[in-house]
Structure formats: C-alpha cells, structure tokens
Amino acid sequence: RYYGLVQGLDGIVWEMNPRTMQLSFVSQRAELLLGYPVRRWLAEPNFRARITHPEDAPRMSVLWAAALAQGGAPTADYRALRNDAREVWIRGTVPVDPAR
C-alpha cells in the first residue's frame, strides 16, 4: 500500500544513503517528469547532483551538505536538466535524520 501511495504522488520521491550518497529508491514519477530511467538514478553515482543545473549546483551542494551535518528538512527551489536538455524548476524538500 505504501508503495502504491508513493508511486501515485505528483512528485519525485527518493531515498539516499547519507554516507555514500547512493540512491536506494526513486519513484517512477522521476522518469515521467525528467525523462531519465529510474535504473540510471539508482546505478549512476551522484546522478541527482549531475542533473542539477550547473548554475544551481554549488548552492544546492552547500544546502544538502549542511542538512546532512545538522539534520532538518531544508526546502529549496532549483533547476534540473531533463534528458532532452530542457530546464525544469523543482522544489526539493529533503528530510534528513542526522543519526543515520
């Protein structure tokens, strides 16, 4: 039931190991919204960071690093690059448990 709920959301849900930065889950909506197969998200190291727009990547890197160090659930708007090279604005909220 949880899987069906997550797959039905109009947003991308993902889970990442905070130590290795390797994604362990990505919802199917990622493929619909950005055009990359879920298997790429899971197989390629730093895939999420690599599709972040180059102008937004430094700011997002700092934000996510601070969240990993301090916990919390930072929210930020940034651009991602679709597989057809179009820019898409994303509002990302990433709940982080510093104990992990």
N, C-alpha and C. Protein backbone atom coordinates (compact mmCIF):
# COMPACT_ATOMS: atom_id res chain seq x y z
N ARG A 1 0.81 -1.19 0.00
CA ARG A 1 0.00 0.00 0.00
C ARG A 1 0.86 1.26 0.00
N TYR A 2 1.90 1.26 0.80
CA TYR A 2 2.81 2.41 0.85
C TYR A 2 3.45 2.65 -0.52
N TYR A 3 3.88 1.57 -1.17
CA TYR A 3 4.50 1.68 -2.49
C TYR A 3 3.53 2.33 -3.48
N GLY A 4 2.28 1.91 -3.49
CA GLY A 4 1.28 2.49 -4.38
C GLY A 4 1.04 3.96 -4.09
N LEU A 5 1.02 4.32 -2.82
CA LEU A 5 0.84 5.72 -2.42
C LEU A 5 1.98 6.58 -2.93
N VAL A 6 3.20 6.14 -2.72
CA VAL A 6 4.37 6.90 -3.16
C VAL A 6 4.40 7.03 -4.68
N GLN A 7 4.11 5.95 -5.38
CA GLN A 7 4.14 5.99 -6.85
C GLN A 7 3.04 6.88 -7.41
N GLY A 8 1.98 7.12 -6.66
CA GLY A 8 0.89 7.96 -7.13
C GLY A 8 1.07 9.44 -6.87
N LEU A 9 2.09 9.82 -6.14
CA LEU A 9 2.32 11.24 -5.85
C LEU A 9 2.78 11.99 -7.09
N ASP A 10 2.39 13.25 -7.19
CA ASP A 10 2.83 14.08 -8.31
C ASP A 10 4.14 14.79 -7.93
N GLY A 11 5.14 14.00 -7.69
CA GLY A 11 6.45 14.49 -7.32
C GLY A 11 7.42 13.33 -7.27
N ILE A 12 8.67 13.64 -7.18
CA ILE A 12 9.70 12.61 -7.14
C ILE A 12 10.03 12.30 -5.69
N VAL A 13 9.93 11.05 -5.34
CA VAL A 13 10.31 10.59 -4.00
C VAL A 13 11.55 9.74 -4.16
N TRP A 14 12.57 10.05 -3.37
CA TRP A 14 13.79 9.25 -3.43
C TRP A 14 14.36 9.08 -2.03
N GLU A 15 15.16 8.04 -1.90
CA GLU A 15 15.86 7.77 -0.64
C GLU A 15 17.32 7.56 -0.97
N MET A 16 18.17 8.14 -0.13
CA MET A 16 19.60 8.08 -0.37
C MET A 16 20.33 7.73 0.92
N ASN A 17 21.38 6.95 0.80
CA ASN A 17 22.25 6.69 1.93
C ASN A 17 23.08 7.95 2.17
N PRO A 18 22.95 8.60 3.32
CA PRO A 18 23.66 9.86 3.53
C PRO A 18 25.18 9.71 3.62
N ARG A 19 25.66 8.52 3.88
CA ARG A 19 27.11 8.31 3.95
C ARG A 19 27.73 8.12 2.58
N THR A 20 27.05 7.35 1.73
CA THR A 20 27.60 7.05 0.40
C THR A 20 27.01 7.94 -0.69
N MET A 21 25.91 8.63 -0.39
CA MET A 21 25.18 9.46 -1.35
C MET A 21 24.62 8.62 -2.50
N GLN A 22 24.48 7.31 -2.29
CA GLN A 22 23.92 6.42 -3.31
C GLN A 22 22.41 6.33 -3.11
N LEU A 23 21.66 6.54 -4.18
CA LEU A 23 20.21 6.41 -4.12
C LEU A 23 19.83 4.94 -3.99
N SER A 24 18.85 4.67 -3.13
CA SER A 24 18.36 3.30 -2.96
C SER A 24 16.92 3.14 -3.43
N PHE A 25 16.24 4.26 -3.66
CA PHE A 25 14.87 4.23 -4.17
C PHE A 25 14.60 5.53 -4.91
N VAL A 26 13.89 5.42 -6.03
CA VAL A 26 13.40 6.58 -6.77
C VAL A 26 12.04 6.21 -7.33
N SER A 27 11.05 7.07 -7.11
CA SER A 27 9.71 6.78 -7.62
C SER A 27 9.67 6.90 -9.14
N GLN A 28 8.70 6.22 -9.72
CA GLN A 28 8.54 6.22 -11.18
C GLN A 28 8.25 7.61 -11.73
N ARG A 29 7.73 8.51 -10.91
CA ARG A 29 7.42 9.87 -11.37
C ARG A 29 8.67 10.58 -11.85
N ALA A 30 9.84 10.19 -11.35
CA ALA A 30 11.09 10.80 -11.81
C ALA A 30 11.27 10.61 -13.31
N GLU A 31 10.94 9.43 -13.78
CA GLU A 31 11.08 9.16 -15.21
C GLU A 31 10.09 10.00 -16.02
N LEU A 32 8.87 10.13 -15.54
CA LEU A 32 7.87 10.91 -16.24
C LEU A 32 8.23 12.40 -16.27
N LEU A 33 8.68 12.95 -15.15
CA LEU A 33 8.96 14.38 -15.06
C LEU A 33 10.28 14.79 -15.71
N LEU A 34 11.30 13.94 -15.58
CA LEU A 34 12.63 14.33 -16.07
C LEU A 34 13.14 13.49 -17.23
N GLY A 35 12.50 12.37 -17.49
CA GLY A 35 12.84 11.59 -18.67
C GLY A 35 13.95 10.58 -18.53
N TYR A 36 14.58 10.51 -17.39
CA TYR A 36 15.67 9.54 -17.19
C TYR A 36 15.09 8.27 -16.58
N PRO A 37 15.50 7.11 -17.06
CA PRO A 37 15.02 5.86 -16.47
C PRO A 37 15.44 5.75 -15.00
N VAL A 38 14.56 5.20 -14.19
CA VAL A 38 14.85 5.03 -12.77
C VAL A 38 16.14 4.25 -12.58
N ARG A 39 16.42 3.27 -13.44
CA ARG A 39 17.63 2.47 -13.28
C ARG A 39 18.90 3.33 -13.34
N ARG A 40 18.89 4.43 -14.11
CA ARG A 40 20.05 5.33 -14.14
C ARG A 40 20.23 6.03 -12.80
N TRP A 41 19.11 6.49 -12.22
CA TRP A 41 19.17 7.15 -10.92
C TRP A 41 19.82 6.23 -9.89
N LEU A 42 19.47 4.96 -9.96
CA LEU A 42 19.95 4.01 -8.97
C LEU A 42 21.36 3.50 -9.26
N ALA A 43 21.75 3.43 -10.50
CA ALA A 43 23.03 2.83 -10.88
C ALA A 43 24.19 3.83 -10.95
N GLU A 44 23.92 5.06 -11.33
CA GLU A 44 25.00 6.02 -11.56
C GLU A 44 25.26 6.86 -10.31
N PRO A 45 26.48 6.83 -9.81
CA PRO A 45 26.82 7.63 -8.62
C PRO A 45 26.56 9.12 -8.87
N ASN A 46 26.03 9.79 -7.86
CA ASN A 46 25.77 11.23 -7.89
C ASN A 46 24.86 11.66 -9.02
N PHE A 47 23.98 10.78 -9.46
CA PHE A 47 23.12 11.11 -10.59
C PHE A 47 22.26 12.33 -10.31
N ARG A 48 21.63 12.38 -9.15
CA ARG A 48 20.78 13.53 -8.81
C ARG A 48 21.55 14.83 -8.88
N ALA A 49 22.75 14.83 -8.36
CA ALA A 49 23.57 16.05 -8.40
C ALA A 49 23.98 16.40 -9.82
N ARG A 50 24.23 15.40 -10.64
CA ARG A 50 24.68 15.66 -12.01
C ARG A 50 23.60 16.26 -12.89
N ILE A 51 22.33 16.02 -12.56
CA ILE A 51 21.27 16.61 -13.38
C ILE A 51 20.78 17.94 -12.81
N THR A 52 21.38 18.39 -11.73
CA THR A 52 21.09 19.73 -11.21
C THR A 52 21.74 20.75 -12.13
N HIS A 53 21.01 21.81 -12.45
CA HIS A 53 21.52 22.85 -13.35
C HIS A 53 22.87 23.36 -12.83
N PRO A 54 23.86 23.53 -13.71
CA PRO A 54 25.20 23.96 -13.27
C PRO A 54 25.21 25.26 -12.47
N GLU A 55 24.30 26.18 -12.76
CA GLU A 55 24.26 27.44 -12.01
C GLU A 55 23.69 27.26 -10.61
N ASP A 56 22.90 26.22 -10.41
CA ASP A 56 22.29 25.96 -9.10
C ASP A 56 23.05 24.93 -8.28
N ALA A 57 23.90 24.16 -8.93
CA ALA A 57 24.59 23.06 -8.26
C ALA A 57 25.42 23.49 -7.05
N PRO A 58 26.22 24.57 -7.12
CA PRO A 58 27.01 24.94 -5.92
C PRO A 58 26.12 25.28 -4.72
N ARG A 59 25.06 26.03 -4.96
CA ARG A 59 24.15 26.41 -3.87
C ARG A 59 23.47 25.18 -3.27
N MET A 60 23.04 24.28 -4.12
CA MET A 60 22.37 23.08 -3.64
C MET A 60 23.33 22.16 -2.90
N SER A 61 24.54 22.08 -3.36
CA SER A 61 25.55 21.25 -2.71
C SER A 61 25.78 21.73 -1.27
N VAL A 62 25.89 23.03 -1.09
CA VAL A 62 26.07 23.60 0.24
C VAL A 62 24.85 23.33 1.12
N LEU A 63 23.66 23.51 0.55
CA LEU A 63 22.43 23.28 1.30
C LEU A 63 22.31 21.84 1.76
N TRP A 64 22.56 20.88 0.84
CA TRP A 64 22.42 19.48 1.21
C TRP A 64 23.51 19.06 2.19
N ALA A 65 24.74 19.58 2.04
CA ALA A 65 25.81 19.24 2.98
C ALA A 65 25.46 19.73 4.39
N ALA A 66 24.91 20.93 4.48
CA ALA A 66 24.51 21.46 5.79
C ALA A 66 23.39 20.61 6.39
N ALA A 67 22.46 20.18 5.57
CA ALA A 67 21.37 19.34 6.06
C ALA A 67 21.90 18.01 6.57
N LEU A 68 22.84 17.42 5.84
CA LEU A 68 23.42 16.16 6.29
C LEU A 68 24.14 16.31 7.62
N ALA A 69 24.79 17.44 7.81
CA ALA A 69 25.55 17.67 9.05
C ALA A 69 24.63 18.01 10.23
N GLN A 70 23.55 18.73 9.96
CA GLN A 70 22.72 19.26 11.05
C GLN A 70 21.35 18.62 11.17
N GLY A 71 20.92 17.87 10.15
CA GLY A 71 19.57 17.33 10.16
C GLY A 71 18.58 18.37 9.67
N GLY A 72 17.33 18.09 9.87
CA GLY A 72 16.30 19.02 9.46
C GLY A 72 15.68 18.60 8.14
N ALA A 73 14.96 19.54 7.54
CA ALA A 73 14.27 19.27 6.27
C ALA A 73 14.33 20.52 5.40
N PRO A 74 15.50 20.83 4.85
CA PRO A 74 15.61 22.04 4.04
C PRO A 74 14.77 21.94 2.77
N THR A 75 14.26 23.08 2.36
CA THR A 75 13.50 23.18 1.12
C THR A 75 14.14 24.25 0.25
N ALA A 76 14.27 23.97 -1.03
CA ALA A 76 14.86 24.94 -1.95
C ALA A 76 14.30 24.73 -3.34
N ASP A 77 14.23 25.82 -4.09
CA ASP A 77 13.86 25.75 -5.49
C ASP A 77 15.14 25.76 -6.32
N TYR A 78 15.20 24.86 -7.29
CA TYR A 78 16.37 24.79 -8.16
C TYR A 78 15.97 24.20 -9.49
N ARG A 79 16.85 24.30 -10.45
CA ARG A 79 16.58 23.77 -11.78
C ARG A 79 17.28 22.43 -11.96
N ALA A 80 16.57 21.55 -12.65
CA ALA A 80 17.16 20.27 -13.06
C ALA A 80 17.14 20.23 -14.58
N LEU A 81 18.03 19.44 -15.14
CA LEU A 81 18.09 19.29 -16.59
C LEU A 81 17.43 17.97 -16.97
N ARG A 82 16.40 18.07 -17.80
CA ARG A 82 15.73 16.87 -18.31
C ARG A 82 16.64 16.16 -19.29
N ASN A 83 16.28 14.96 -19.67
CA ASN A 83 17.10 14.22 -20.63
C ASN A 83 17.04 14.82 -22.03
N ASP A 84 16.08 15.71 -22.28
CA ASP A 84 16.02 16.42 -23.57
C ASP A 84 16.66 17.81 -23.48
N ALA A 85 17.41 18.06 -22.41
CA ALA A 85 18.18 19.29 -22.16
C ALA A 85 17.32 20.47 -21.72
N ARG A 86 16.01 20.30 -21.59
CA ARG A 86 15.18 21.40 -21.08
C ARG A 86 15.39 21.55 -19.58
N GLU A 87 15.24 22.79 -19.10
CA GLU A 87 15.32 23.07 -17.67
C GLU A 87 13.95 22.92 -17.05
N VAL A 88 13.90 22.34 -15.86
CA VAL A 88 12.67 22.18 -15.11
C VAL A 88 12.92 22.68 -13.70
N TRP A 89 12.03 23.54 -13.21
CA TRP A 89 12.14 24.01 -11.83
C TRP A 89 11.58 22.96 -10.89
N ILE A 90 12.31 22.74 -9.82
CA ILE A 90 11.94 21.75 -8.81
C ILE A 90 11.95 22.42 -7.45
N ARG A 91 10.99 22.09 -6.63
CA ARG A 91 11.04 22.46 -5.21
C ARG A 91 11.37 21.18 -4.47
N GLY A 92 12.56 21.15 -3.92
CA GLY A 92 13.02 19.97 -3.22
C GLY A 92 12.98 20.14 -1.72
N THR A 93 12.40 19.18 -1.04
CA THR A 93 12.44 19.12 0.42
C THR A 93 13.09 17.80 0.79
N VAL A 94 14.13 17.88 1.57
CA VAL A 94 14.88 16.67 1.89
C VAL A 94 14.99 16.50 3.41
N PRO A 95 14.09 15.69 3.98
CA PRO A 95 14.20 15.40 5.41
C PRO A 95 15.44 14.56 5.68
N VAL A 96 16.25 15.02 6.61
CA VAL A 96 17.50 14.30 6.92
C VAL A 96 17.52 13.97 8.41
N ASP A 97 17.80 12.73 8.71
CA ASP A 97 17.97 12.29 10.08
C ASP A 97 19.47 12.22 10.36
N PRO A 98 20.03 13.15 11.16
CA PRO A 98 21.48 13.16 11.37
C PRO A 98 22.01 11.92 12.08
N ALA A 99 21.13 11.13 12.69
CA ALA A 99 21.58 9.92 13.38
C ALA A 99 21.90 8.80 12.41
N ARG A 100 21.48 8.92 11.15
CA ARG A 100 21.71 7.84 10.17
C ARG A 100 23.12 7.79 9.75
